[in-house]
Amino acid sequence: MAKRFRMYTKIRTDTMESKIAWQEFTGDYEAGAVLRELCEALGIPIREDQ
């Protein structure tokens, strides 16, 4: 699981992006959405996957 997560997040270097990626990876979309909203409210840029 950890190895797969590292592969999934290898292009993500920012800590908050990694937290959001982990929430999405584990299927916890609600927690991921909360982190995403928090980042937007604080003005922290979130790079979207293309």
Protein backbone atom coordinates (compact mmCIF):
# COMPACT_ATOMS: atom_id res chain seq x y z
CA MET A 1 0.00 0.00 0.00
CA ALA A 2 2.73 2.47 0.95
CA LYS A 3 4.71 1.62 -2.18
CA ARG A 4 1.65 2.15 -4.38
CA PHE A 5 0.98 5.45 -2.62
CA ARG A 6 4.54 6.62 -3.28
CA MET A 7 4.10 5.78 -6.96
CA TYR A 8 0.78 7.65 -6.96
CA THR A 9 2.28 10.73 -5.33
CA LYS A 10 5.74 10.81 -6.89
CA ILE A 11 4.89 13.96 -8.86
CA ARG A 12 3.38 15.60 -5.78
CA THR A 13 6.00 17.27 -3.60
CA ASP A 14 3.91 19.74 -1.61
CA THR A 15 2.79 18.51 1.82
CA MET A 16 -0.84 19.59 1.51
CA GLU A 17 -1.05 18.08 -1.98
CA SER A 18 0.29 14.83 -0.55
CA LYS A 19 -2.34 14.86 2.22
CA ILE A 20 -5.09 15.46 -0.32
CA ALA A 21 -3.64 12.77 -2.58
CA TRP A 22 -3.63 10.32 0.33
CA GLN A 23 -7.29 11.06 1.14
CA GLU A 24 -8.24 10.55 -2.51
CA PHE A 25 -6.08 7.41 -2.77
CA THR A 26 -7.76 5.84 0.26
CA GLY A 27 -11.21 6.78 -1.04
CA ASP A 28 -11.91 9.31 1.72
CA TYR A 29 -13.20 11.98 -0.65
CA GLU A 30 -14.96 13.92 2.10
CA ALA A 31 -11.72 14.47 4.03
CA GLY A 32 -9.93 15.28 0.76
CA ALA A 33 -12.60 17.87 -0.03
CA VAL A 34 -12.22 19.41 3.43
CA LEU A 35 -8.45 19.74 2.95
CA ARG A 36 -9.00 21.19 -0.53
CA GLU A 37 -11.46 23.80 0.82
CA LEU A 38 -9.06 24.67 3.63
CA CYS A 39 -6.22 25.21 1.17
CA GLU A 40 -8.42 27.41 -1.02
CA ALA A 41 -9.54 29.44 2.00
CA LEU A 42 -5.93 29.97 3.09
CA GLY A 43 -4.79 30.76 -0.44
CA ILE A 44 -2.53 27.70 -0.67
CA PRO A 45 -2.21 26.71 -4.33
CA ILE A 46 -3.25 23.16 -5.17
CA ARG A 47 -1.87 21.69 -8.36
CA GLU A 48 -4.51 19.66 -10.17
CA ASP A 49 -3.68 16.42 -11.96
CA GLN A 50 -3.95 16.75 -15.71
